[in-house]
């Protein structure tokens, strides 16, 4: 039978633990304790959205009959209602009757709080003689300090070592899930405890380096974050990309700040899982508590890309009469076709793409970033990087006439614009110019035919000569 030793804890500034409790003394004598060293296998599947599935296998010797089994070192943010315990050799060997999740963790302050109204001992040393004496003290309060009663006097924040005769119930050194179970098989068996937990997350990040005007190198890393109050050692890590629906309860706040480490690995294979994508990291890794870790997802070279300059003018509507001239700057966009033909063709999880380009001295310079959503093979990535410095336009309304009016509810009008494009570069550039319309529309006059039109939009491709300018004029008839 396991015996519970006394706990010796010094409370001063700062609080320090001067002796540790035995590892098997955190539960009643009848409880079978399982610690992390009992693990024989560990797999963690991490989802987008602060969710993970943990499969924790341990080798245990549980006698036949009804027993309490404490699984120490589970996630501190476990969803206990999702826990499932099974014998890996015999699915019918174990039946769980009851379970308890203990997350009130051992600390000097917690020991004092659990001792309210009880008598403990305080060991004090005479500085002159070095002799130590023990005094009985009743703990009256631990709120904003410690108040004890020694004999007929009250003392606040007494010095000395506080000695506790026993560990209070349900106070654990690690988060612990205790199962009351009925077991049909005796001897050493492998048991798997699976559960969902919060506190684990992952995200994808991308680094793109532009190599020339139409190619780039693209690398992807996944950042794993563990704030679940436990460690996952030598775990098989899998990642789910996709939006898995969850019923959102009120969550406990994460208490630990994360520290970072790098674990650069070879590319992770990907497979379909229902309507999601499953990535399996190629080797086992350890996720320490309060840690972030970067792992390589893939590297792709000479990916075909297309740089575009796109002007988006304000929407043309009935309220634009007398509109003041507008100075416009085009948005710099980088378009990447996610196809094998373009040297990519991968399932890309959502994340942030950061783009770099080398200057004339060979130094990589940051030129912009954008976020992407989950992107399937053969879809197109459109990255907005910023605004052009050398290219601009001035858009001026030259006419506005009401052609027909119906009780002020519906009007038909004609409006004309002139757009002057300028280019300060030493080479010509081609830009896309987009006009949007509020209502039914048609172009009645234009100096250049649009390349494409949509229900509420027309797009022109404009070539601007080096150190020069180009004009576009058009008239639109709009019913609104």
Protein backbone atom coordinates (compact mmCIF):
# COMPACT_ATOMS: atom_id res chain seq x y z
CA UNK A 1 0.00 0.00 0.00
CA UNK A 2 1.27 3.43 -0.91
CA UNK A 3 1.83 5.83 2.00
CA UNK A 4 1.47 9.59 1.68
CA UNK A 5 4.54 11.44 3.00
CA UNK A 6 4.44 14.83 4.61
CA UNK A 7 4.87 17.84 2.39
CA UNK A 8 7.37 20.52 3.36
CA UNK A 9 6.80 23.93 1.79
CA UNK A 10 8.42 27.24 2.70
CA UNK A 11 6.25 30.30 2.24
CA UNK A 12 8.25 33.49 2.03
CA UNK A 13 9.16 35.97 -0.69
CA UNK A 14 9.42 34.29 -3.11
CA UNK A 15 7.51 31.08 -2.39
CA UNK A 16 9.74 28.01 -2.75
CA UNK A 17 9.07 24.27 -2.56
CA UNK A 18 11.71 22.63 -0.37
CA UNK A 19 10.62 18.99 -0.71
CA UNK A 20 8.57 17.08 -3.27
CA UNK A 21 5.77 14.59 -2.79
CA UNK A 22 6.23 11.06 -4.05
CA UNK A 23 4.94 10.63 -7.63
CA UNK A 24 2.35 8.01 -6.67
CA UNK A 25 0.87 9.92 -3.75
CA UNK A 26 -1.57 12.12 -5.63
CA UNK A 27 -4.58 9.84 -5.28
CA UNK A 28 -6.25 7.58 -2.78
CA UNK A 29 -4.62 4.21 -2.07
CA UNK A 30 -7.11 2.33 -4.25
CA UNK A 31 -6.40 4.43 -7.35
CA UNK A 32 -4.13 3.07 -10.08
CA UNK A 33 -1.94 5.95 -11.25
CA UNK A 34 -0.68 6.19 -14.82
CA UNK A 35 2.01 8.72 -15.64
CA UNK A 36 3.55 9.90 -18.90
CA UNK A 37 6.33 7.32 -18.72
CA UNK A 38 3.66 4.65 -19.24
CA UNK A 39 3.04 5.94 -22.78
CA UNK A 40 3.80 3.54 -25.62
CA UNK A 41 2.34 5.66 -28.40
CA UNK A 42 1.00 9.17 -28.89
CA UNK A 43 -0.78 10.71 -31.88
CA UNK A 44 -2.13 14.24 -32.12
CA UNK A 45 -4.36 15.55 -34.91
CA UNK A 46 -4.58 19.34 -34.85
CA UNK A 47 -7.41 21.24 -36.54
CA UNK A 48 -7.79 24.86 -37.58
CA UNK A 49 -9.69 26.68 -34.85
CA UNK A 50 -8.11 25.73 -31.49
CA UNK A 51 -9.01 22.03 -31.51
CA UNK A 52 -7.04 18.78 -31.44
CA UNK A 53 -7.69 15.05 -31.14
CA UNK A 54 -5.26 13.26 -28.82
CA UNK A 55 -4.75 9.47 -28.88
CA UNK A 56 -2.69 8.47 -25.85
CA UNK A 57 -1.66 4.80 -25.58
CA UNK A 58 -0.31 3.47 -22.28
CA UNK A 59 0.80 0.05 -21.06
CA UNK A 60 -0.96 -0.67 -17.74
CA UNK A 61 -1.55 -3.60 -15.44
CA UNK A 62 -5.16 -3.25 -14.28
CA UNK A 63 -6.62 -6.20 -12.31
CA UNK A 64 -10.03 -7.58 -13.10
CA UNK A 65 -12.94 -5.86 -11.44
CA UNK A 66 -13.87 -2.26 -10.69
CA UNK A 67 -11.02 0.23 -10.25
CA UNK A 68 -10.18 3.92 -10.35
CA UNK A 69 -7.48 4.63 -12.95
CA UNK A 70 -5.90 8.11 -12.98
CA UNK A 71 -4.40 9.21 -16.30
CA UNK A 72 -1.94 11.92 -15.30
CA UNK A 73 -0.56 14.41 -17.78
CA UNK A 74 -3.60 14.79 -20.00
CA UNK A 75 -4.32 18.15 -21.59
CA UNK A 76 -5.27 20.86 -19.12
CA UNK A 77 -7.92 22.02 -21.63
CA UNK A 78 -9.37 18.59 -22.33
CA UNK A 79 -13.06 18.31 -23.20
CA UNK A 80 -13.80 15.53 -20.68
CA UNK A 81 -17.14 14.69 -22.27
CA UNK A 82 -15.29 13.56 -25.43
CA UNK A 83 -12.95 11.10 -23.65
CA UNK A 84 -12.99 7.47 -24.79
CA UNK A 85 -10.99 4.69 -23.13
CA UNK A 86 -10.49 1.32 -24.80
CA UNK A 87 -8.34 -1.77 -24.59
CA UNK A 88 -6.52 -1.96 -27.92
CA UNK A 89 -6.59 -5.79 -27.89
CA UNK A 90 -10.22 -6.26 -26.81
CA UNK A 91 -12.79 -3.51 -27.42
CA UNK A 92 -15.22 -5.12 -24.94
CA UNK A 93 -12.75 -5.57 -22.07
CA UNK A 94 -13.27 -2.16 -20.47
CA UNK A 95 -16.43 -0.32 -19.49
CA UNK A 96 -16.13 3.20 -18.05
CA UNK A 97 -18.61 3.80 -15.24
CA UNK A 98 -17.61 7.30 -14.17
CA UNK A 99 -14.89 9.83 -14.83
CA UNK A 100 -13.54 12.96 -13.14
CA UNK A 101 -11.23 15.63 -14.52
CA UNK A 102 -8.94 17.19 -11.89
CA UNK A 103 -7.35 20.45 -13.07
CA UNK A 104 -6.77 22.05 -9.65
CA UNK A 105 -2.97 21.85 -9.76
CA UNK A 106 -0.53 21.57 -6.88
CA UNK A 107 1.17 24.80 -5.76
CA UNK A 108 2.13 26.34 -2.39
CA UNK A 109 -0.79 28.75 -2.64
CA UNK A 110 -3.24 25.95 -3.44
CA UNK A 111 -1.99 23.92 -0.46
CA UNK A 112 -2.71 26.85 1.82
CA UNK A 113 -6.12 27.49 0.27
CA UNK A 114 -7.09 23.83 0.76
CA UNK A 115 -5.96 24.07 4.40
CA UNK A 116 -8.35 26.87 5.38
CA UNK A 117 -9.80 26.13 8.83
CA UNK A 118 -7.26 23.36 9.40
CA UNK A 119 -4.20 23.14 11.63
CA UNK A 120 -0.75 22.89 10.05
CA UNK A 121 2.74 23.23 11.51
CA UNK A 122 5.22 26.06 11.09
CA UNK A 123 8.92 25.29 11.53
CA UNK A 124 10.98 28.25 12.75
CA UNK A 125 14.71 28.54 13.33
CA UNK A 126 16.22 30.63 16.12
CA UNK A 127 18.89 32.76 14.41
CA UNK A 128 21.03 32.87 17.56
CA UNK A 129 21.03 29.18 18.44
CA UNK A 130 20.08 27.60 15.10
CA UNK A 131 17.51 25.48 16.93
CA UNK A 132 14.31 24.70 15.03
CA UNK A 133 10.92 24.63 16.76
CA UNK A 134 7.50 23.50 15.52
CA UNK A 135 4.32 25.42 16.24
CA UNK A 136 0.72 24.48 15.50
CA UNK A 137 -1.04 27.13 13.39
CA UNK A 138 -4.65 27.35 12.23
CA UNK A 139 -4.98 28.79 8.70
CA UNK A 140 -7.63 31.54 8.83
CA UNK A 141 -7.18 33.34 5.50
CA UNK A 142 -5.12 33.27 2.29
CA UNK A 143 -6.68 36.35 0.70
CA UNK A 144 -4.01 38.97 -0.12
CA UNK A 145 -1.60 37.29 2.25
CA UNK A 146 -1.69 34.59 4.93
CA UNK A 147 -3.32 34.91 8.35
CA UNK A 148 -2.80 32.14 10.93
CA UNK A 149 -3.75 31.67 14.56
CA UNK A 150 -0.95 30.47 16.84
CA UNK A 151 -2.18 29.90 20.37
CA UNK A 152 -4.21 32.99 21.28
CA UNK A 153 -2.53 35.33 18.79
CA UNK A 154 -3.01 36.10 15.11
CA UNK A 155 -0.05 36.47 12.74
CA UNK A 156 0.00 37.77 9.20
CA UNK A 157 2.42 36.36 6.63
CA UNK A 158 4.39 34.34 9.18
CA UNK A 159 7.95 33.33 8.32
CA UNK A 160 9.18 29.77 8.44
CA UNK A 161 8.45 26.48 6.73
CA UNK A 162 4.79 25.43 6.49
CA UNK A 163 4.41 21.70 7.05
CA UNK A 164 1.35 19.85 5.78
CA UNK A 165 0.53 16.35 7.05
CA UNK A 166 -1.34 15.29 3.91
CA UNK A 167 -2.18 16.28 0.38
CA UNK A 168 -5.73 17.61 0.04
CA UNK A 169 -8.08 15.55 -2.18
CA UNK A 170 -8.29 16.42 -5.91
CA UNK A 171 -5.10 18.47 -5.87
CA UNK A 172 -2.81 17.17 -8.59
CA UNK A 173 0.68 17.89 -9.86
CA UNK A 174 -0.59 17.49 -13.43
CA UNK A 175 -4.02 17.66 -15.09
CA UNK A 176 -5.53 14.23 -14.46
CA UNK A 177 -8.49 12.30 -15.84
CA UNK A 178 -9.68 9.60 -13.43
CA UNK A 179 -11.86 6.80 -14.77
CA UNK A 180 -13.90 4.44 -12.62
CA UNK A 181 -14.00 1.37 -14.82
CA UNK A 182 -14.99 -2.27 -14.92
CA UNK A 183 -12.19 -4.41 -16.35
CA UNK A 184 -12.59 -7.95 -17.71
CA UNK A 185 -8.94 -8.70 -18.52
CA UNK A 186 -6.00 -8.76 -16.12
CA UNK A 187 -2.28 -8.47 -16.77
CA UNK A 188 -0.33 -5.93 -18.76
CA UNK A 189 -2.50 -4.49 -21.52
CA UNK A 190 -2.30 -1.49 -23.86
CA UNK A 191 -5.05 1.06 -23.28
CA UNK A 192 -5.82 4.03 -25.51
CA UNK A 193 -7.34 7.21 -24.12
CA UNK A 194 -8.61 9.50 -26.88
CA UNK A 195 -10.13 12.93 -26.36
CA UNK A 196 -10.65 16.34 -27.92
CA UNK A 197 -8.87 19.31 -26.42
CA UNK A 198 -8.42 23.01 -26.86
CA UNK A 199 -5.07 24.74 -26.47
CA UNK A 200 -3.49 23.23 -29.60
CA UNK A 201 -3.51 25.05 -32.90
CA UNK A 202 -1.67 25.35 -36.18
CA UNK A 203 -1.41 27.80 -39.02
CA UNK A 204 0.36 27.88 -42.35
CA UNK A 205 2.80 30.59 -43.38
CA UNK A 206 4.35 31.05 -46.80
CA UNK A 207 7.51 32.72 -48.02
CA UNK A 208 7.64 33.68 -51.71
CA UNK A 209 10.80 35.00 -53.32
CA UNK A 210 10.37 36.60 -56.73
CA UNK A 211 13.15 35.29 -58.98
CA UNK A 212 12.19 37.17 -62.17
CA UNK A 213 9.17 38.80 -63.78
CA UNK A 214 7.21 35.55 -64.19
CA UNK A 215 8.57 33.00 -61.66
CA UNK A 216 9.09 32.72 -57.92
CA UNK A 217 10.18 30.21 -55.27
CA UNK A 218 7.52 29.30 -52.70
CA UNK A 219 8.10 27.67 -49.31
CA UNK A 220 5.50 26.84 -46.68
CA UNK A 221 5.90 26.33 -42.95
CA UNK A 222 3.35 25.30 -40.37
CA UNK A 223 3.46 26.83 -36.92
CA UNK A 224 2.31 24.48 -34.15
CA UNK A 225 1.22 26.08 -30.86
CA UNK A 226 0.75 24.21 -27.59
CA UNK A 227 -0.94 25.99 -24.68
CA UNK A 228 -2.75 22.93 -23.29
CA UNK A 229 -0.75 22.69 -20.03
CA UNK A 230 0.91 19.37 -20.90
CA UNK A 231 3.69 18.05 -23.13
CA UNK A 232 3.27 15.75 -26.12
CA UNK A 233 6.53 13.81 -26.43
CA UNK A 234 7.55 11.92 -29.57
CA UNK A 235 4.08 12.32 -31.00
CA UNK A 236 2.84 11.54 -34.49
CA UNK A 237 1.46 14.90 -35.65
CA UNK A 238 -1.27 15.25 -38.27
CA UNK A 239 -2.93 18.47 -39.42
CA UNK A 240 -6.46 18.97 -40.73
CA UNK A 241 -6.98 21.86 -43.17
CA UNK A 242 -10.60 22.87 -43.57
CA UNK A 243 -13.42 24.45 -41.63
CA UNK A 244 -14.72 21.75 -39.25
CA UNK A 245 -17.94 22.80 -37.56
CA UNK A 246 -17.86 23.01 -33.76
CA UNK A 247 -20.48 23.96 -31.19
CA UNK A 248 -18.79 26.84 -29.40
CA UNK A 249 -18.90 26.69 -25.57
CA UNK A 250 -17.45 29.27 -23.24
CA UNK A 251 -13.73 28.55 -23.11
CA UNK A 252 -11.23 28.86 -20.30
CA UNK A 253 -8.52 31.45 -21.06
CA UNK A 254 -5.05 30.25 -22.01
CA UNK A 255 -2.71 31.10 -19.16
CA UNK A 256 0.71 30.37 -20.63
CA UNK A 257 2.75 32.44 -23.07
CA UNK A 258 4.36 30.45 -25.86
CA UNK A 259 8.07 30.10 -26.51
CA UNK A 260 9.32 29.39 -30.00
CA UNK A 261 11.49 26.70 -31.57
CA UNK A 262 12.21 25.51 -35.10
CA UNK A 263 11.98 21.96 -36.39
CA UNK A 264 12.64 22.09 -40.13
CA UNK A 265 11.56 18.87 -41.81
CA UNK A 266 10.98 17.40 -45.23
CA UNK A 267 7.67 18.03 -47.01
CA UNK A 268 4.52 16.58 -45.45
CA UNK A 269 2.31 14.24 -47.55
CA UNK A 270 -1.34 15.20 -47.96
CA UNK A 271 -4.50 13.13 -48.41
CA UNK A 272 -8.24 13.66 -48.62
CA UNK A 273 -10.34 13.19 -45.48
CA UNK A 274 -14.04 13.70 -46.14
CA UNK A 275 -14.17 17.32 -47.42
CA UNK A 276 -10.89 18.28 -45.73
CA UNK A 277 -7.17 17.82 -46.32
CA UNK A 278 -5.00 15.78 -43.93
CA UNK A 279 -1.27 16.47 -43.67
CA UNK A 280 0.99 13.99 -41.87
CA UNK A 281 4.33 15.27 -40.64
CA UNK A 282 7.04 12.86 -41.84
CA UNK A 283 8.56 12.18 -38.44
CA UNK A 284 7.56 12.28 -34.81
CA UNK A 285 8.11 15.47 -32.87
CA UNK A 286 7.76 16.79 -29.34
CA UNK A 287 5.43 19.66 -28.50
CA UNK A 288 6.40 21.13 -25.15
CA UNK A 289 3.84 23.10 -23.18
CA UNK A 290 3.83 26.86 -23.88
CA UNK A 291 5.79 26.36 -27.09
CA UNK A 292 5.46 27.22 -30.76
CA UNK A 293 7.28 25.16 -33.36
CA UNK A 294 7.83 25.67 -37.08
CA UNK A 295 7.80 22.64 -39.36
CA UNK A 296 8.38 22.55 -43.12
CA UNK A 297 5.30 21.77 -45.21
CA UNK A 298 6.74 22.01 -48.75
CA UNK A 299 9.18 23.82 -51.02
CA UNK A 300 8.47 24.64 -54.68
CA UNK A 301 10.87 26.27 -57.17
CA UNK A 302 10.29 28.17 -60.40
CA UNK A 303 6.57 28.59 -59.78
CA UNK A 304 4.97 30.54 -62.61
CA UNK A 305 3.48 33.86 -61.56
CA UNK A 306 2.07 37.01 -63.10
CA UNK A 307 2.42 40.54 -61.72
CA UNK A 308 -0.51 42.86 -62.40
CA UNK A 309 -1.32 46.54 -61.82
CA UNK A 310 -5.06 47.03 -61.30
CA UNK A 311 -7.00 50.29 -61.04
CA UNK A 312 -10.39 50.13 -59.30
CA UNK A 313 -12.37 53.35 -59.74
CA UNK A 314 -15.27 54.40 -57.53
CA UNK A 315 -18.69 53.06 -58.57
CA UNK A 316 -20.59 55.13 -61.11
CA UNK A 317 -24.05 56.06 -59.79
CA UNK A 318 -26.79 58.69 -60.09
CA UNK A 319 -25.20 60.63 -57.23
CA UNK A 320 -21.92 61.27 -59.12
CA UNK A 321 -23.12 64.41 -60.87
CA UNK A 322 -20.43 67.07 -60.52
CA UNK A 323 -17.93 64.56 -59.14
CA UNK A 324 -14.49 66.03 -58.46
CA UNK A 325 -11.45 64.62 -60.32
CA UNK A 326 -9.88 61.59 -58.64
CA UNK A 327 -6.20 60.68 -58.37
CA UNK A 328 -5.83 56.90 -58.55
CA UNK A 329 -2.99 54.49 -57.80
CA UNK A 330 -3.07 50.90 -59.05
CA UNK A 331 -2.97 47.94 -56.70
CA UNK A 332 0.02 45.63 -57.16
CA UNK A 333 -1.22 42.04 -57.43
CA UNK A 334 0.67 38.78 -57.80
CA UNK A 335 -1.30 35.98 -59.46
CA UNK A 336 -0.18 32.35 -59.03
CA UNK A 337 -1.96 29.43 -60.69
CA UNK A 338 -1.89 26.47 -58.30
CA UNK A 339 -1.32 23.85 -60.98
CA UNK A 340 1.31 21.23 -61.70
CA UNK A 341 1.89 22.90 -65.07
CA UNK A 342 2.89 26.04 -63.13
CA UNK A 343 5.22 23.91 -60.93
CA UNK A 344 2.86 23.92 -57.94
CA UNK A 345 -0.45 21.99 -57.87
CA UNK A 346 -0.75 21.37 -54.09
CA UNK A 347 -3.54 21.62 -51.54
CA UNK A 348 -2.66 24.91 -49.84
CA UNK A 349 -4.04 25.56 -46.33
CA UNK A 350 -5.07 29.09 -45.44
CA UNK A 351 -2.34 31.35 -44.13
CA UNK A 352 -0.24 34.44 -44.81
CA UNK A 353 2.06 34.74 -47.84
CA UNK A 354 5.02 37.08 -47.38
CA UNK A 355 6.74 38.13 -50.58
CA UNK A 356 10.41 39.09 -51.02
CA UNK A 357 12.53 40.27 -53.95
CA UNK A 358 16.29 40.70 -54.18
CA UNK A 359 17.69 44.16 -54.84
CA UNK A 360 20.62 45.01 -57.14
CA UNK A 361 23.08 43.98 -54.40
CA UNK A 362 21.47 40.57 -53.94
CA UNK A 363 19.74 41.37 -50.63
CA UNK A 364 16.19 40.05 -50.17
CA UNK A 365 13.74 42.87 -49.48
CA UNK A 366 10.17 42.54 -48.18
CA UNK A 367 7.69 43.80 -50.81
CA UNK A 368 4.30 42.90 -49.28
CA UNK A 369 2.07 40.22 -47.81
CA UNK A 370 -1.48 38.94 -48.09
CA UNK A 371 -3.60 36.19 -46.59
CA UNK A 372 -5.02 33.31 -48.61
CA UNK A 373 -7.91 30.97 -47.94
CA UNK A 374 -7.77 27.20 -48.35
CA UNK A 375 -6.79 26.84 -52.00
CA UNK A 376 -7.40 23.67 -54.00
CA UNK A 377 -5.30 22.47 -56.92
CA UNK A 378 -5.84 24.51 -60.12
CA UNK A 379 -7.29 27.48 -58.24
CA UNK A 380 -5.59 30.87 -58.55
CA UNK A 381 -3.90 32.75 -55.74
CA UNK A 382 -4.35 36.51 -55.92
CA UNK A 383 -2.00 38.36 -53.58
CA UNK A 384 -2.44 42.09 -52.98
CA UNK A 385 0.98 43.50 -52.16
CA UNK A 386 0.50 47.29 -52.12
CA UNK A 387 0.26 50.32 -54.43
CA UNK A 388 2.47 51.24 -57.39
CA UNK A 389 4.83 54.17 -56.92
CA UNK A 390 5.49 55.14 -60.57
CA UNK A 391 2.12 54.49 -62.22
CA UNK A 392 -0.99 56.59 -61.63
CA UNK A 393 -4.16 57.97 -63.19
CA UNK A 394 -6.42 61.01 -63.01
CA UNK A 395 -10.13 60.33 -63.55
CA UNK A 396 -12.35 63.31 -64.47
CA UNK A 397 -16.09 63.46 -65.15
CA UNK A 398 -16.70 65.44 -68.34
CA UNK A 399 -20.53 65.25 -68.63
CA UNK A 400 -23.65 64.12 -66.74
CA UNK A 401 -27.16 64.32 -68.26
CA UNK A 402 -30.49 62.91 -67.05
CA UNK A 403 -32.22 61.23 -69.99
CA UNK A 404 -35.39 59.95 -68.30
CA UNK A 405 -36.87 60.23 -64.81
CA UNK A 406 -39.77 58.30 -63.24
CA UNK A 407 -41.11 60.03 -60.10
CA UNK A 408 -37.56 60.28 -58.80
CA UNK A 409 -37.57 56.54 -58.19
CA UNK A 410 -35.84 55.42 -61.38
CA UNK A 411 -33.73 57.57 -63.65
CA UNK A 412 -31.77 56.96 -66.81
CA UNK A 413 -28.71 59.13 -67.23
CA UNK A 414 -25.64 59.51 -69.39
CA UNK A 415 -22.24 60.18 -67.89
CA UNK A 416 -18.84 60.70 -69.51
CA UNK A 417 -15.32 60.31 -68.11
CA UNK A 418 -11.77 60.87 -69.20
CA UNK A 419 -8.96 58.94 -67.52
CA UNK A 420 -5.34 59.98 -68.04
CA UNK A 421 -2.78 57.28 -67.16
CA UNK A 422 0.87 58.19 -66.44
CA UNK A 423 3.99 56.04 -66.22
CA UNK A 424 7.28 57.26 -64.72
CA UNK A 425 9.08 53.98 -65.40
CA UNK A 426 11.74 53.58 -68.08
CA UNK A 427 9.77 50.75 -69.67
CA UNK A 428 6.15 50.54 -70.83
CA UNK A 429 3.58 48.91 -68.54
CA UNK A 430 0.17 47.34 -69.10
CA UNK A 431 -2.49 47.92 -66.46
CA UNK A 432 -6.05 46.74 -65.87
CA UNK A 433 -8.62 49.51 -65.40
CA UNK A 434 -11.95 48.51 -63.79
CA UNK A 435 -15.16 50.60 -63.80
CA UNK A 436 -18.19 49.49 -61.77
CA UNK A 437 -21.77 50.61 -62.41
CA UNK A 438 -24.76 50.87 -60.07
CA UNK A 439 -27.67 49.74 -62.24
CA UNK A 440 -28.21 48.55 -65.81
CA UNK A 441 -25.58 50.00 -68.13
CA UNK A 442 -24.16 50.13 -71.60
CA UNK A 443 -21.26 51.97 -73.17
CA UNK A 444 -22.44 54.35 -75.88
CA UNK A 445 -18.98 55.68 -76.68
CA UNK A 446 -15.45 54.62 -75.78
CA UNK A 447 -11.99 55.33 -77.12
CA UNK A 448 -10.88 51.77 -76.39
CA UNK A 449 -13.05 48.66 -76.31
CA UNK A 450 -13.15 46.89 -72.91
CA UNK A 451 -11.41 43.55 -72.76
CA UNK A 452 -14.22 42.02 -70.70
CA UNK A 453 -17.53 42.98 -69.15
CA UNK A 454 -19.65 41.56 -66.33
CA UNK A 455 -23.09 42.39 -64.92
CA UNK A 456 -21.89 45.54 -63.14
CA UNK A 457 -18.34 45.92 -64.40
CA UNK A 458 -16.14 46.71 -67.39
CA UNK A 459 -12.38 46.09 -67.58
CA UNK A 460 -9.90 47.72 -69.99
CA UNK A 461 -6.30 46.72 -70.65
CA UNK A 462 -4.27 49.91 -70.97
CA UNK A 463 -0.67 50.09 -72.18
CA UNK A 464 1.21 53.17 -70.97
CA UNK A 465 4.47 54.03 -72.74
CA UNK A 466 7.72 54.54 -70.84
CA UNK A 467 7.93 58.02 -69.33
CA UNK A 468 4.60 58.76 -71.00
CA UNK A 469 0.84 58.85 -70.71
CA UNK A 470 -2.31 57.34 -72.24
CA UNK A 471 -5.93 58.56 -72.25
CA UNK A 472 -9.17 56.60 -72.02
CA UNK A 473 -12.52 58.27 -72.59
CA UNK A 474 -15.98 56.69 -72.45
CA UNK A 475 -19.67 57.49 -72.12
CA UNK A 476 -22.09 55.21 -70.30
CA UNK A 477 -25.88 55.09 -70.31
CA UNK A 478 -27.11 53.88 -66.92
CA UNK A 479 -30.59 53.04 -65.63
CA UNK A 480 -30.79 53.17 -61.87
